Amino acid sequence: MKHLLGPILLIFLAACGGENRAIKVKGSDTEVNLAVSLAEAFYRVNDDFSLAISGGGSGLGIASIINGQADIANSSRPLSKSEIALFKEKGIKIRTVVFAEDATAIIVNKSFPMDSIDVATLGKIFDGTYKSWKPVTGQDIPVTLYGRQSNSGTHSFIKKKLDIRFSDEAKEMNGSAQIMGSVKSDHTGIGYIGAGYLLQNAEQLAVKALKIYEKAGDPAVSPMDRKAILEGRYFLQRPLYQFIPEESWEKVSAFIDFEKSAKGQEIIQDSGYYIVND
């Protein structure tokens, strides 16, 4: 049974099992559709478990672990120094699982006149240096930035990779669906979402994922190019994390094992993500 409440996707798969088989997963909006697909498949063969999956951002998931409100925090970024310190202060021991790899897509309206962009230009767009598209496309129209709140792992990832401070004029969206919907209807817009999310939604045809190259002469690489991702050639690719408190490990280990199984790996790939080679 699924419920969609605003920007947060919730899935409840209920069973008659006790608390030791009730798993709560919270966090990354990038990972939430994948987590739902994995949970549904896991539940079909392990119906004595109860699973609750919700998004809301990597920061929310990690905070839920700290506050004892989740068993697994899905995160599209590593733990920050302050989060590590807080776990230590509270005596919470954490296990880290890297269960997939993702590419972040830079999306523009379908009518956008270019198919690729370089890293330096992308940085100047997102930090607000370029407030008009004229230096990029020759069109003297304003740039409209769509992004996530600061607790989003994707926000942190883009900021770090481009080595920028985001423009204060960027519109903060609650999730990938809002960013995609905004860019779809705004020919001046640009935003970022997980490539896996893009591949899973029919709306992908209404937006354009730009190819990215680092400097003139380099090949432009698409976030949809599976071979390039597996070879590590796409500029905005990253591992996806799950943080699990030690006290929850025994309860969630069957689900983690399922993710690593042949069926789990098939779901990860079919959802537009990439297998992590140990």
C-alpha atoms as a PDB file:
ATOM      1  CA  MET A   1       0.000   0.000   0.000  1.00  0.00           C
ATOM      2  CA  LYS A   2       1.520   3.298  -1.124  1.00  0.00           C
ATOM      3  CA  HIS A   3       0.689   6.828  -0.035  1.00  0.00           C
ATOM      4  CA  LEU A   4       1.971  10.003  -1.656  1.00  0.00           C
ATOM      5  CA  LEU A   5       1.909  12.888   0.800  1.00  0.00           C
ATOM      6  CA  GLY A   6       3.318  16.074  -0.727  1.00  0.00           C
ATOM      7  CA  PRO A   7       6.999  15.608  -1.569  1.00  0.00           C
ATOM      8  CA  ILE A   8       7.500  12.556   0.615  1.00  0.00           C
ATOM      9  CA  LEU A   9       6.758   9.102  -0.750  1.00  0.00           C
ATOM     10  CA  LEU A  10       5.581   6.675   1.922  1.00  0.00           C
ATOM     11  CA  ILE A  11       5.155   2.951   1.453  1.00  0.00           C
ATOM     12  CA  PHE A  12       3.807   0.688   4.151  1.00  0.00           C
ATOM     13  CA  LEU A  13       4.120  -3.075   3.735  1.00  0.00           C
ATOM     14  CA  ALA A  14       2.420  -4.524   6.789  1.00  0.00           C
ATOM     15  CA  ALA A  15       2.784  -7.935   8.349  1.00  0.00           C
ATOM     16  CA  CYS A  16       1.827  -9.594  11.605  1.00  0.00           C
ATOM     17  CA  GLY A  17       5.425  -9.750  12.837  1.00  0.00           C
ATOM     18  CA  GLY A  18       6.631  -8.025  15.983  1.00  0.00           C
ATOM     19  CA  GLU A  19       8.839  -4.994  16.386  1.00  0.00           C
ATOM     20  CA  ASN A  20      11.951  -7.055  15.615  1.00  0.00           C
ATOM     21  CA  ARG A  21      10.649  -7.421  12.037  1.00  0.00           C
ATOM     22  CA  ALA A  22       9.366  -3.875  11.548  1.00  0.00           C
ATOM     23  CA  ILE A  23      11.875  -1.916   9.450  1.00  0.00           C
ATOM     24  CA  LYS A  24      11.751   1.865   9.018  1.00  0.00           C
ATOM     25  CA  VAL A  25      13.740   3.377   6.143  1.00  0.00           C
ATOM     26  CA  LYS A  26      13.989   7.162   5.751  1.00  0.00           C
ATOM     27  CA  GLY A  27      16.071   9.616   3.771  1.00  0.00           C
ATOM     28  CA  SER A  28      17.294  10.369   0.286  1.00  0.00           C
ATOM     29  CA  ASP A  29      14.733  11.496  -2.264  1.00  0.00           C
ATOM     30  CA  THR A  30      17.117  10.236  -4.955  1.00  0.00           C
ATOM     31  CA  GLU A  31      16.918   6.721  -3.533  1.00  0.00           C
ATOM     32  CA  VAL A  32      13.289   6.565  -2.471  1.00  0.00           C
ATOM     33  CA  ASN A  33      11.800   5.039  -5.655  1.00  0.00           C
ATOM     34  CA  LEU A  34      14.553   2.431  -5.724  1.00  0.00           C
ATOM     35  CA  ALA A  35      14.011   1.700  -2.017  1.00  0.00           C
ATOM     36  CA  VAL A  36      10.292   1.207  -2.649  1.00  0.00           C
ATOM     37  CA  SER A  37      10.949  -1.218  -5.522  1.00  0.00           C
ATOM     38  CA  LEU A  38      13.410  -3.209  -3.411  1.00  0.00           C
ATOM     39  CA  ALA A  39      11.050  -3.245  -0.409  1.00  0.00           C
ATOM     40  CA  GLU A  40       8.100  -4.464  -2.483  1.00  0.00           C
ATOM     41  CA  ALA A  41      10.139  -7.310  -3.990  1.00  0.00           C
ATOM     42  CA  PHE A  42      11.616  -8.202  -0.582  1.00  0.00           C
ATOM     43  CA  TYR A  43       8.156  -8.273   1.009  1.00  0.00           C
ATOM     44  CA  ARG A  44       6.857 -10.697  -1.634  1.00  0.00           C
ATOM     45  CA  VAL A  45       9.279 -13.340  -0.362  1.00  0.00           C
ATOM     46  CA  ASN A  46       9.505 -12.176   3.269  1.00  0.00           C
ATOM     47  CA  ASP A  47       5.939 -11.281   4.221  1.00  0.00           C
ATOM     48  CA  ASP A  48       6.629 -11.758   7.929  1.00  0.00           C
ATOM     49  CA  PHE A  49       8.399  -8.351   7.840  1.00  0.00           C
ATOM     50  CA  SER A  50       6.839  -4.886   7.981  1.00  0.00           C
ATOM     51  CA  LEU A  51       8.492  -2.088   6.019  1.00  0.00           C
ATOM     52  CA  ALA A  52       7.888   1.666   6.010  1.00  0.00           C
ATOM     53  CA  ILE A  53       9.804   3.669   3.383  1.00  0.00           C
ATOM     54  CA  SER A  54       9.853   7.465   3.178  1.00  0.00           C
ATOM     55  CA  GLY A  55      11.945  10.152   1.484  1.00  0.00           C
ATOM     56  CA  GLY A  56      12.450  13.753   2.502  1.00  0.00           C
ATOM     57  CA  GLY A  57      16.196  14.121   2.017  1.00  0.00           C
ATOM     58  CA  SER A  58      19.463  12.553   3.179  1.00  0.00           C
ATOM     59  CA  GLY A  59      19.712  14.936   6.139  1.00  0.00           C
ATOM     60  CA  LEU A  60      16.270  13.938   7.351  1.00  0.00           C
ATOM     61  CA  GLY A  61      17.174  10.253   7.154  1.00  0.00           C
ATOM     62  CA  ILE A  62      20.392  10.724   9.115  1.00  0.00           C
ATOM     63  CA  ALA A  63      18.597  12.855  11.717  1.00  0.00           C
ATOM     64  CA  SER A  64      16.002  10.071  12.053  1.00  0.00           C
ATOM     65  CA  ILE A  65      18.773   7.610  12.906  1.00  0.00           C
ATOM     66  CA  ILE A  66      20.153  10.002  15.509  1.00  0.00           C
ATOM     67  CA  ASN A  67      16.669  10.443  17.000  1.00  0.00           C
ATOM     68  CA  GLY A  68      15.915   6.710  17.008  1.00  0.00           C
ATOM     69  CA  GLN A  69      13.139   7.037  14.419  1.00  0.00           C
ATOM     70  CA  ALA A  70      14.604   4.844  11.661  1.00  0.00           C
ATOM     71  CA  ASP A  71      16.530   1.616  11.180  1.00  0.00           C
ATOM     72  CA  ILE A  72      18.104   2.597   7.849  1.00  0.00           C
ATOM     73  CA  ALA A  73      19.017   6.088   6.651  1.00  0.00           C
ATOM     74  CA  ASN A  74      19.265   6.252   2.857  1.00  0.00           C
ATOM     75  CA  SER A  75      21.743   8.936   1.859  1.00  0.00           C
ATOM     76  CA  SER A  76      23.159  10.199  -1.415  1.00  0.00           C
ATOM     77  CA  ARG A  77      26.152  11.680   0.419  1.00  0.00           C
ATOM     78  CA  PRO A  78      28.619  10.522   3.084  1.00  0.00           C
ATOM     79  CA  LEU A  79      28.217  11.547   6.714  1.00  0.00           C
ATOM     80  CA  SER A  80      29.423  15.041   7.558  1.00  0.00           C
ATOM     81  CA  LYS A  81      32.019  15.648  10.275  1.00  0.00           C
ATOM     82  CA  SER A  82      29.343  17.116  12.537  1.00  0.00           C
ATOM     83  CA  GLU A  83      27.087  14.073  12.050  1.00  0.00           C
ATOM     84  CA  ILE A  84      29.955  11.705  12.829  1.00  0.00           C
ATOM     85  CA  ALA A  85      30.695  13.705  15.981  1.00  0.00           C
ATOM     86  CA  LEU A  86      27.027  13.615  17.017  1.00  0.00           C
ATOM     87  CA  PHE A  87      26.809   9.843  16.558  1.00  0.00           C
ATOM     88  CA  LYS A  88      29.922   9.492  18.704  1.00  0.00           C
ATOM     89  CA  GLU A  89      28.536  11.851  21.343  1.00  0.00           C
ATOM     90  CA  LYS A  90      25.302   9.842  21.563  1.00  0.00           C
ATOM     91  CA  GLY A  91      27.131   6.506  21.572  1.00  0.00           C
ATOM     92  CA  ILE A  92      25.479   5.342  18.343  1.00  0.00           C
ATOM     93  CA  LYS A  93      27.620   2.904  16.368  1.00  0.00           C
ATOM     94  CA  ILE A  94      26.917   2.974  12.642  1.00  0.00           C
ATOM     95  CA  ARG A  95      27.424   0.458   9.865  1.00  0.00           C
ATOM     96  CA  THR A  96      27.755   1.847   6.334  1.00  0.00           C
ATOM     97  CA  VAL A  97      26.524   0.031   3.223  1.00  0.00           C
ATOM     98  CA  VAL A  98      27.208   1.310  -0.302  1.00  0.00           C
ATOM     99  CA  PHE A  99      24.508  -0.517  -2.248  1.00  0.00           C
ATOM    100  CA  ALA A 100      24.434   1.252  -5.639  1.00  0.00           C
ATOM    101  CA  GLU A 101      25.888   4.067  -7.695  1.00  0.00           C
ATOM    102  CA  ASP A 102      23.958   6.953  -9.199  1.00  0.00           C
ATOM    103  CA  ALA A 103      24.461   9.656 -11.788  1.00  0.00           C
ATOM    104  CA  THR A 104      23.003  13.126 -11.199  1.00  0.00           C
ATOM    105  CA  ALA A 105      21.318  14.552 -14.276  1.00  0.00           C
ATOM    106  CA  ILE A 106      21.318  18.253 -15.098  1.00  0.00           C
ATOM    107  CA  ILE A 107      17.951  18.865 -16.698  1.00  0.00           C
ATOM    108  CA  VAL A 108      16.600  21.692 -18.841  1.00  0.00           C
ATOM    109  CA  ASN A 109      13.395  22.250 -20.771  1.00  0.00           C
ATOM    110  CA  LYS A 110      12.952  20.153 -23.904  1.00  0.00           C
ATOM    111  CA  SER A 111      13.178  23.359 -25.980  1.00  0.00           C
ATOM    112  CA  PHE A 112      16.662  24.233 -24.656  1.00  0.00           C
ATOM    113  CA  PRO A 113      18.907  24.913 -27.675  1.00  0.00           C
ATOM    114  CA  MET A 114      21.961  22.989 -26.444  1.00  0.00           C
ATOM    115  CA  ASP A 115      22.584  19.307 -25.685  1.00  0.00           C
ATOM    116  CA  SER A 116      25.797  19.616 -23.642  1.00  0.00           C
ATOM    117  CA  ILE A 117      27.531  21.948 -21.197  1.00  0.00           C
ATOM    118  CA  ASP A 118      30.971  22.251 -19.604  1.00  0.00           C
ATOM    119  CA  VAL A 119      31.661  22.086 -15.863  1.00  0.00           C
ATOM    120  CA  ALA A 120      32.906  25.685 -15.523  1.00  0.00           C
ATOM    121  CA  THR A 121      29.803  27.106 -17.197  1.00  0.00           C
ATOM    122  CA  LEU A 122      27.591  24.914 -15.036  1.00  0.00           C
ATOM    123  CA  GLY A 123      29.267  26.335 -11.937  1.00  0.00           C
ATOM    124  CA  LYS A 124      28.670  29.906 -13.083  1.00  0.00           C
ATOM    125  CA  ILE A 125      25.006  29.126 -13.678  1.00  0.00           C
ATOM    126  CA  PHE A 126      24.361  27.561 -10.289  1.00  0.00           C
ATOM    127  CA  ASP A 127      26.361  30.111  -8.271  1.00  0.00           C
ATOM    128  CA  GLY A 128      24.456  32.971  -9.898  1.00  0.00           C
ATOM    129  CA  THR A 129      27.342  34.466 -11.888  1.00  0.00           C
ATOM    130  CA  TYR A 130      25.261  34.000 -15.033  1.00  0.00           C
ATOM    131  CA  LYS A 131      21.813  35.444 -14.369  1.00  0.00           C
ATOM    132  CA  SER A 132      20.958  35.398 -18.079  1.00  0.00           C
ATOM    133  CA  TRP A 133      21.321  32.623 -20.645  1.00  0.00           C
ATOM    134  CA  LYS A 134      23.034  35.043 -23.064  1.00  0.00           C
ATOM    135  CA  PRO A 135      26.664  33.980 -22.294  1.00  0.00           C
ATOM    136  CA  VAL A 136      25.635  30.340 -22.747  1.00  0.00           C
ATOM    137  CA  THR A 137      23.030  30.193 -25.523  1.00  0.00           C
ATOM    138  CA  GLY A 138      22.998  33.743 -26.879  1.00  0.00           C
ATOM    139  CA  GLN A 139      19.406  34.186 -25.680  1.00  0.00           C
ATOM    140  CA  ASP A 140      18.961  37.236 -23.459  1.00  0.00           C
ATOM    141  CA  ILE A 141      16.468  35.616 -21.092  1.00  0.00           C
ATOM    142  CA  PRO A 142      16.815  35.055 -17.327  1.00  0.00           C
ATOM    143  CA  VAL A 143      18.159  31.830 -15.842  1.00  0.00           C
ATOM    144  CA  THR A 144      15.748  30.180 -13.412  1.00  0.00           C
ATOM    145  CA  LEU A 145      17.469  27.807 -10.987  1.00  0.00           C
ATOM    146  CA  TYR A 146      15.648  24.867  -9.425  1.00  0.00           C
ATOM    147  CA  GLY A 147      17.351  22.944  -6.631  1.00  0.00           C
ATOM    148  CA  ARG A 148      16.874  21.275  -3.261  1.00  0.00           C
ATOM    149  CA  GLN A 149      17.105  22.371   0.348  1.00  0.00           C
ATOM    150  CA  SER A 150      20.478  22.259   2.083  1.00  0.00           C
ATOM    151  CA  ASN A 151      19.599  18.974   3.847  1.00  0.00           C
ATOM    152  CA  SER A 152      19.465  17.232   0.471  1.00  0.00           C
ATOM    153  CA  GLY A 153      22.366  14.941  -0.338  1.00  0.00           C
ATOM    154  CA  THR A 154      22.106  15.862  -4.015  1.00  0.00           C
ATOM    155  CA  HIS A 155      22.361  19.565  -3.116  1.00  0.00           C
ATOM    156  CA  SER A 156      25.530  18.878  -1.112  1.00  0.00           C
ATOM    157  CA  PHE A 157      26.969  16.690  -3.862  1.00  0.00           C
ATOM    158  CA  ILE A 158      26.453  19.272  -6.629  1.00  0.00           C
ATOM    159  CA  LYS A 159      27.831  22.044  -4.437  1.00  0.00           C
ATOM    160  CA  LYS A 160      30.966  20.045  -3.638  1.00  0.00           C
ATOM    161  CA  LYS A 161      31.590  18.772  -7.184  1.00  0.00           C
ATOM    162  CA  LEU A 162      31.213  22.231  -8.741  1.00  0.00           C
ATOM    163  CA  ASP A 163      33.065  23.855  -5.816  1.00  0.00           C
ATOM    164  CA  ILE A 164      30.496  26.628  -5.505  1.00  0.00           C
ATOM    165  CA  ARG A 165      28.141  28.384  -3.148  1.00  0.00           C
ATOM    166  CA  PHE A 166      24.620  28.096  -4.535  1.00  0.00           C
ATOM    167  CA  SER A 167      22.926  31.263  -5.681  1.00  0.00           C
ATOM    168  CA  ASP A 168      20.482  32.693  -3.137  1.00  0.00           C
ATOM    169  CA  GLU A 169      18.055  33.078  -6.036  1.00  0.00           C
ATOM    170  CA  ALA A 170      17.764  29.316  -6.570  1.00  0.00           C
ATOM    171  CA  LYS A 171      14.238  28.048  -5.956  1.00  0.00           C
ATOM    172  CA  GLU A 172      14.251  25.330  -3.298  1.00  0.00           C
ATOM    173  CA  MET A 173      12.088  22.394  -4.292  1.00  0.00           C
ATOM    174  CA  ASN A 174      10.911  19.613  -1.983  1.00  0.00           C
ATOM    175  CA  GLY A 175      11.998  16.784  -4.254  1.00  0.00           C
ATOM    176  CA  SER A 176      12.849  15.483  -7.700  1.00  0.00           C
ATOM    177  CA  ALA A 177       9.218  15.449  -8.826  1.00  0.00           C
ATOM    178  CA  GLN A 178       8.864  19.175  -8.166  1.00  0.00           C
ATOM    179  CA  ILE A 179      12.121  19.976  -9.946  1.00  0.00           C
ATOM    180  CA  MET A 180      11.151  17.922 -12.980  1.00  0.00           C
ATOM    181  CA  GLY A 181       7.676  19.451 -13.103  1.00  0.00           C
ATOM    182  CA  SER A 182       9.062  22.985 -12.824  1.00  0.00           C
ATOM    183  CA  VAL A 183      11.688  22.541 -15.546  1.00  0.00           C
ATOM    184  CA  LYS A 184       9.136  20.826 -17.778  1.00  0.00           C
ATOM    185  CA  SER A 185       6.974  23.956 -17.772  1.00  0.00           C
ATOM    186  CA  ASP A 186       9.737  26.605 -17.713  1.00  0.00           C
ATOM    187  CA  HIS A 187      11.865  27.156 -20.846  1.00  0.00           C
ATOM    188  CA  THR A 188      14.295  29.283 -18.766  1.00  0.00           C
ATOM    189  CA  GLY A 189      14.775  26.640 -16.066  1.00  0.00           C
ATOM    190  CA  ILE A 190      17.627  24.336 -15.097  1.00  0.00           C
ATOM    191  CA  GLY A 191      17.789  21.858 -12.232  1.00  0.00           C
ATOM    192  CA  TYR A 192      19.276  18.578 -11.055  1.00  0.00           C
ATOM    193  CA  ILE A 193      17.794  15.170 -10.216  1.00  0.00           C
ATOM    194  CA  GLY A 194      18.997  11.591  -9.965  1.00  0.00           C
ATOM    195  CA  ALA A 195      19.301   9.916 -13.357  1.00  0.00           C
ATOM    196  CA  GLY A 196      17.592   6.844 -11.920  1.00  0.00           C
ATOM    197  CA  TYR A 197      14.592   8.964 -10.965  1.00  0.00           C
ATOM    198  CA  LEU A 198      14.537  10.426 -14.461  1.00  0.00           C
ATOM    199  CA  LEU A 199      14.586   7.004 -16.092  1.00  0.00           C
ATOM    200  CA  GLN A 200      11.723   5.774 -13.912  1.00  0.00           C
ATOM    201  CA  ASN A 201       9.331   8.553 -14.879  1.00  0.00           C
ATOM    202  CA  ALA A 202       7.404   8.970 -18.115  1.00  0.00           C
ATOM    203  CA  GLU A 203       7.971  12.741 -17.814  1.00  0.00           C
ATOM    204  CA  GLN A 204      11.591  12.192 -18.826  1.00  0.00           C
ATOM    205  CA  LEU A 205      10.563  12.887 -22.425  1.00  0.00           C
ATOM    206  CA  ALA A 206       9.411  16.392 -21.434  1.00  0.00           C
ATOM    207  CA  VAL A 207      12.863  17.463 -20.212  1.00  0.00           C
ATOM    208  CA  LYS A 208      16.404  17.184 -21.536  1.00  0.00           C
ATOM    209  CA  ALA A 209      19.350  15.745 -19.607  1.00  0.00           C
ATOM    210  CA  LEU A 210      22.450  17.664 -20.655  1.00  0.00           C
ATOM    211  CA  LYS A 211      25.671  15.879 -21.493  1.00  0.00           C
ATOM    212  CA  ILE A 212      28.630  17.185 -19.476  1.00  0.00           C
ATOM    213  CA  TYR A 213      32.296  17.693 -20.363  1.00  0.00           C
ATOM    214  CA  GLU A 214      35.067  19.066 -18.163  1.00  0.00           C
ATOM    215  CA  LYS A 215      36.997  21.148 -20.701  1.00  0.00           C
ATOM    216  CA  ALA A 216      37.051  21.977 -24.403  1.00  0.00           C
ATOM    217  CA  GLY A 217      37.974  18.946 -26.474  1.00  0.00           C
ATOM    218  CA  ASP A 218      36.725  16.414 -23.926  1.00  0.00           C
ATOM    219  CA  PRO A 219      33.879  14.124 -24.928  1.00  0.00           C
ATOM    220  CA  ALA A 220      30.473  15.145 -23.548  1.00  0.00           C
ATOM    221  CA  VAL A 221      29.049  12.316 -21.429  1.00  0.00           C
ATOM    222  CA  SER A 222      25.377  11.620 -20.772  1.00  0.00           C
ATOM    223  CA  PRO A 223      24.082  10.573 -17.332  1.00  0.00           C
ATOM    224  CA  MET A 224      22.117   7.897 -19.219  1.00  0.00           C
ATOM    225  CA  ASP A 225      25.267   6.305 -20.691  1.00  0.00           C
ATOM    226  CA  ARG A 226      25.552   3.091 -18.679  1.00  0.00           C
ATOM    227  CA  LYS A 227      28.976   2.164 -20.113  1.00  0.00           C
ATOM    228  CA  ALA A 228      30.397   5.596 -19.251  1.00  0.00           C
ATOM    229  CA  ILE A 229      29.079   5.379 -15.684  1.00  0.00           C
ATOM    230  CA  LEU A 230      30.541   1.911 -15.176  1.00  0.00           C
ATOM    231  CA  GLU A 231      33.881   3.253 -16.427  1.00  0.00           C
ATOM    232  CA  GLY A 232      33.664   6.272 -14.107  1.00  0.00           C
ATOM    233  CA  ARG A 233      33.669   8.836 -16.946  1.00  0.00           C
ATOM    234  CA  TYR A 234      30.619  10.904 -15.984  1.00  0.00           C
ATOM    235  CA  PHE A 235      31.471  13.994 -13.920  1.00  0.00           C
ATOM    236  CA  LEU A 236      28.428  13.842 -11.641  1.00  0.00           C
ATOM    237  CA  GLN A 237      28.331  10.225 -10.480  1.00  0.00           C
ATOM    238  CA  ARG A 238      28.414   9.096  -6.866  1.00  0.00           C
ATOM    239  CA  PRO A 239      27.864   6.154  -4.524  1.00  0.00           C
ATOM    240  CA  LEU A 240      24.570   5.741  -2.667  1.00  0.00           C
ATOM    241  CA  TYR A 241      24.758   4.990   1.051  1.00  0.00           C
ATOM    242  CA  GLN A 242      22.726   3.325   3.746  1.00  0.00           C
ATOM    243  CA  PHE A 243      23.595   4.109   7.360  1.00  0.00           C
ATOM    244  CA  ILE A 244      22.410   1.561   9.904  1.00  0.00           C
ATOM    245  CA  PRO A 245      22.722   1.757  13.703  1.00  0.00           C
ATOM    246  CA  GLU A 246      24.397  -1.322  15.154  1.00  0.00           C
ATOM    247  CA  GLU A 247      21.324  -2.098  17.256  1.00  0.00           C
ATOM    248  CA  SER A 248      19.211  -2.424  14.080  1.00  0.00           C
ATOM    249  CA  TRP A 249      21.675  -4.501  12.095  1.00  0.00           C
ATOM    250  CA  GLU A 250      20.301  -7.942  13.005  1.00  0.00           C
ATOM    251  CA  LYS A 251      16.775  -6.822  12.103  1.00  0.00           C
ATOM    252  CA  VAL A 252      17.666  -5.300   8.729  1.00  0.00           C
ATOM    253  CA  SER A 253      20.349  -7.770   7.612  1.00  0.00           C
ATOM    254  CA  ALA A 254      17.847  -9.893   5.644  1.00  0.00           C
ATOM    255  CA  PHE A 255      16.833  -6.798   3.647  1.00  0.00           C
ATOM    256  CA  ILE A 256      20.483  -5.825   3.042  1.00  0.00           C
ATOM    257  CA  ASP A 257      21.213  -9.367   1.882  1.00  0.00           C
ATOM    258  CA  PHE A 258      18.259  -9.145  -0.512  1.00  0.00           C
ATOM    259  CA  GLU A 259      19.670  -5.938  -2.030  1.00  0.00           C
ATOM    260  CA  LYS A 260      22.914  -7.799  -2.737  1.00  0.00           C
ATOM    261  CA  SER A 261      21.155 -10.863  -4.175  1.00  0.00           C
ATOM    262  CA  ALA A 262      20.754 -11.504  -7.891  1.00  0.00           C
ATOM    263  CA  LYS A 263      17.143 -10.280  -7.718  1.00  0.00           C
ATOM    264  CA  GLY A 264      18.113  -7.149  -5.784  1.00  0.00           C
ATOM    265  CA  GLN A 265      20.896  -6.352  -8.235  1.00  0.00           C
ATOM    266  CA  GLU A 266      18.482  -6.822 -11.125  1.00  0.00           C
ATOM    267  CA  ILE A 267      16.053  -4.312  -9.544  1.00  0.00           C
ATOM    268  CA  ILE A 268      18.868  -1.798  -9.000  1.00  0.00           C
ATOM    269  CA  GLN A 269      19.899  -2.006 -12.663  1.00  0.00           C
ATOM    270  CA  ASP A 270      16.344  -1.995 -14.012  1.00  0.00           C
ATOM    271  CA  SER A 271      15.642   1.138 -11.953  1.00  0.00           C
ATOM    272  CA  GLY A 272      18.395   3.049 -13.749  1.00  0.00           C
ATOM    273  CA  TYR A 273      21.105   2.742 -11.094  1.00  0.00           C
ATOM    274  CA  TYR A 274      24.448   1.005 -11.250  1.00  0.00           C
ATOM    275  CA  ILE A 275      25.887  -1.999  -9.472  1.00  0.00           C
ATOM    276  CA  VAL A 276      28.733  -1.417  -7.050  1.00  0.00           C
ATOM    277  CA  ASN A 277      31.683  -3.673  -7.798  1.00  0.00           C
ATOM    278  CA  ASP A 278      33.231  -4.759  -4.517  1.00  0.00           C
END
